[in-house]
Amino acid sequence: MQTLIYNATIVLPTTVVENGWLLIEDEFIRAFGPEDTCPSDYTVAINAATSFLLPGLIDLHCDMIEKLVEPRPGVRFSLPLALQEADLRLAASGITTEFH
């Protein structure tokens, strides 16, 4: 199955591609480029208008876990629940790697 993400702002290490596209096949990025080189052969298409595509971000230091385990003095949540909530918040922010 080939998934085409198009109409996206693609952030690369040395440049930004406006209205770019990215082709995913078998869970791997197969190709990407500017709008005028967009392929026409794909299984699924996703319009990413107003969205950015960029590598996952790495957060090297965070005190979020402590605040999720004990949001205020005397109130404690279990560590597994706090870690699950941290993962959800990080993923929503584009952070794929976290050093707690």
C-alpha atoms as a PDB file:
ATOM      1  CA  MET A   1       0.000   0.000   0.000  1.00  0.00           C
ATOM      2  CA  GLN A   2       1.262   3.462  -0.892  1.00  0.00           C
ATOM      3  CA  THR A   3       0.215   6.490   1.120  1.00  0.00           C
ATOM      4  CA  LEU A   4       0.779   9.943  -0.326  1.00  0.00           C
ATOM      5  CA  ILE A   5       0.867  12.931   2.007  1.00  0.00           C
ATOM      6  CA  TYR A   6       0.607  16.075  -0.080  1.00  0.00           C
ATOM      7  CA  ASN A   7       0.236  19.832   0.272  1.00  0.00           C
ATOM      8  CA  ALA A   8       2.525  19.819   3.324  1.00  0.00           C
ATOM      9  CA  THR A   9       5.381  22.008   4.471  1.00  0.00           C
ATOM     10  CA  ILE A  10       8.286  19.555   4.702  1.00  0.00           C
ATOM     11  CA  VAL A  11      11.118  20.589   7.027  1.00  0.00           C
ATOM     12  CA  LEU A  12      14.475  19.098   5.996  1.00  0.00           C
ATOM     13  CA  PRO A  13      17.906  19.590   7.605  1.00  0.00           C
ATOM     14  CA  THR A  14      18.958  22.276   5.113  1.00  0.00           C
ATOM     15  CA  THR A  15      15.744  23.514   3.489  1.00  0.00           C
ATOM     16  CA  VAL A  16      11.972  23.789   3.747  1.00  0.00           C
ATOM     17  CA  VAL A  17       9.755  22.504   0.927  1.00  0.00           C
ATOM     18  CA  GLU A  18       6.451  24.382   0.685  1.00  0.00           C
ATOM     19  CA  ASN A  19       3.489  22.435  -0.792  1.00  0.00           C
ATOM     20  CA  GLY A  20       5.574  19.284  -0.772  1.00  0.00           C
ATOM     21  CA  TRP A  21       4.616  15.632  -0.862  1.00  0.00           C
ATOM     22  CA  LEU A  22       5.887  12.477   0.798  1.00  0.00           C
ATOM     23  CA  LEU A  23       5.244   8.900  -0.338  1.00  0.00           C
ATOM     24  CA  ILE A  24       5.146   6.092   2.252  1.00  0.00           C
ATOM     25  CA  GLU A  25       5.249   2.449   1.187  1.00  0.00           C
ATOM     26  CA  ASP A  26       5.607  -0.590   3.471  1.00  0.00           C
ATOM     27  CA  GLU A  27       6.136   1.732   6.468  1.00  0.00           C
ATOM     28  CA  PHE A  28       9.130   3.433   4.839  1.00  0.00           C
ATOM     29  CA  ILE A  29       9.485   6.852   3.254  1.00  0.00           C
ATOM     30  CA  ARG A  30      10.072   6.046  -0.413  1.00  0.00           C
ATOM     31  CA  ALA A  31      10.233   9.539  -1.916  1.00  0.00           C
ATOM     32  CA  PHE A  32       9.401  13.183  -1.366  1.00  0.00           C
ATOM     33  CA  GLY A  33       9.580  16.392  -3.297  1.00  0.00           C
ATOM     34  CA  PRO A  34       7.993  19.646  -4.414  1.00  0.00           C
ATOM     35  CA  GLU A  35       4.434  19.893  -5.685  1.00  0.00           C
ATOM     36  CA  ASP A  36       5.322  19.799  -9.390  1.00  0.00           C
ATOM     37  CA  THR A  37       6.926  16.332  -9.060  1.00  0.00           C
ATOM     38  CA  CYS A  38       4.052  14.724  -7.139  1.00  0.00           C
ATOM     39  CA  PRO A  39       3.377  11.115  -8.202  1.00  0.00           C
ATOM     40  CA  SER A  40      -0.032  10.065  -9.486  1.00  0.00           C
ATOM     41  CA  ASP A  41       0.163   6.372  -8.532  1.00  0.00           C
ATOM     42  CA  TYR A  42      -0.763   5.781  -4.857  1.00  0.00           C
ATOM     43  CA  THR A  43      -3.355   3.911  -2.773  1.00  0.00           C
ATOM     44  CA  VAL A  44      -4.297   6.513  -0.156  1.00  0.00           C
ATOM     45  CA  ALA A  45      -3.901  10.296  -0.233  1.00  0.00           C
ATOM     46  CA  ILE A  46      -3.830  12.613   2.772  1.00  0.00           C
ATOM     47  CA  ASN A  47      -4.126  16.375   2.344  1.00  0.00           C
ATOM     48  CA  ALA A  48      -1.787  17.933   4.891  1.00  0.00           C
ATOM     49  CA  ALA A  49      -2.717  21.551   4.170  1.00  0.00           C
ATOM     50  CA  THR A  50      -1.442  23.915   6.888  1.00  0.00           C
ATOM     51  CA  SER A  51       0.606  21.052   8.411  1.00  0.00           C
ATOM     52  CA  PHE A  52       4.320  20.543   8.844  1.00  0.00           C
ATOM     53  CA  LEU A  53       6.155  17.262   8.228  1.00  0.00           C
ATOM     54  CA  LEU A  54       9.413  17.037  10.117  1.00  0.00           C
ATOM     55  CA  PRO A  55      11.502  14.451  11.958  1.00  0.00           C
ATOM     56  CA  GLY A  56      10.382  13.622  15.465  1.00  0.00           C
ATOM     57  CA  LEU A  57      11.779  15.981  18.085  1.00  0.00           C
ATOM     58  CA  ILE A  58      13.996  14.913  20.988  1.00  0.00           C
ATOM     59  CA  ASP A  59      13.472  16.414  24.439  1.00  0.00           C
ATOM     60  CA  LEU A  60      16.712  16.069  26.403  1.00  0.00           C
ATOM     61  CA  HIS A  61      15.402  17.294  29.754  1.00  0.00           C
ATOM     62  CA  CYS A  62      11.951  17.485  31.199  1.00  0.00           C
ATOM     63  CA  ASP A  63      10.389  17.658  34.664  1.00  0.00           C
ATOM     64  CA  MET A  64       6.954  16.682  33.389  1.00  0.00           C
ATOM     65  CA  ILE A  65       6.856  13.263  35.093  1.00  0.00           C
ATOM     66  CA  GLU A  66       7.204  14.722  38.566  1.00  0.00           C
ATOM     67  CA  LYS A  67       4.333  17.118  37.907  1.00  0.00           C
ATOM     68  CA  LEU A  68       2.150  14.337  36.483  1.00  0.00           C
ATOM     69  CA  VAL A  69       2.847  11.991  39.411  1.00  0.00           C
ATOM     70  CA  GLU A  70       2.239  14.725  41.991  1.00  0.00           C
ATOM     71  CA  PRO A  71       0.403  17.674  40.393  1.00  0.00           C
ATOM     72  CA  ARG A  72       0.085  19.386  43.772  1.00  0.00           C
ATOM     73  CA  PRO A  73       1.199  18.518  47.323  1.00  0.00           C
ATOM     74  CA  GLY A  74      -0.670  15.537  48.730  1.00  0.00           C
ATOM     75  CA  VAL A  75      -2.203  14.424  45.413  1.00  0.00           C
ATOM     76  CA  ARG A  76      -0.446  11.450  43.788  1.00  0.00           C
ATOM     77  CA  PHE A  77      -1.143   9.398  40.667  1.00  0.00           C
ATOM     78  CA  SER A  78       0.399   6.028  39.867  1.00  0.00           C
ATOM     79  CA  LEU A  79       3.621   6.055  37.868  1.00  0.00           C
ATOM     80  CA  PRO A  80       2.172   3.937  34.990  1.00  0.00           C
ATOM     81  CA  LEU A  81      -0.737   6.376  34.615  1.00  0.00           C
ATOM     82  CA  ALA A  82       1.611   9.377  34.731  1.00  0.00           C
ATOM     83  CA  LEU A  83       3.903   7.817  32.100  1.00  0.00           C
ATOM     84  CA  GLN A  84       0.957   7.076  29.825  1.00  0.00           C
ATOM     85  CA  GLU A  85      -0.227  10.684  30.105  1.00  0.00           C
ATOM     86  CA  ALA A  86       3.321  11.931  29.447  1.00  0.00           C
ATOM     87  CA  ASP A  87       3.550   9.801  26.294  1.00  0.00           C
ATOM     88  CA  LEU A  88       0.243  11.197  25.001  1.00  0.00           C
ATOM     89  CA  ARG A  89       1.296  14.790  25.627  1.00  0.00           C
ATOM     90  CA  LEU A  90       4.729  14.298  24.079  1.00  0.00           C
ATOM     91  CA  ALA A  91       3.345  12.638  20.943  1.00  0.00           C
ATOM     92  CA  ALA A  92       0.802  15.430  20.542  1.00  0.00           C
ATOM     93  CA  SER A  93       3.711  17.886  20.609  1.00  0.00           C
ATOM     94  CA  GLY A  94       5.761  16.018  17.993  1.00  0.00           C
ATOM     95  CA  ILE A  95       8.278  14.711  20.497  1.00  0.00           C
ATOM     96  CA  THR A  96       9.209  11.111  19.710  1.00  0.00           C
ATOM     97  CA  THR A  97      12.109  10.670  22.154  1.00  0.00           C
ATOM     98  CA  GLU A  98      12.112  11.823  25.774  1.00  0.00           C
ATOM     99  CA  PHE A  99      14.814  11.517  28.408  1.00  0.00           C
ATOM    100  CA  HIS A 100      12.973  11.729  31.721  1.00  0.00           C
END
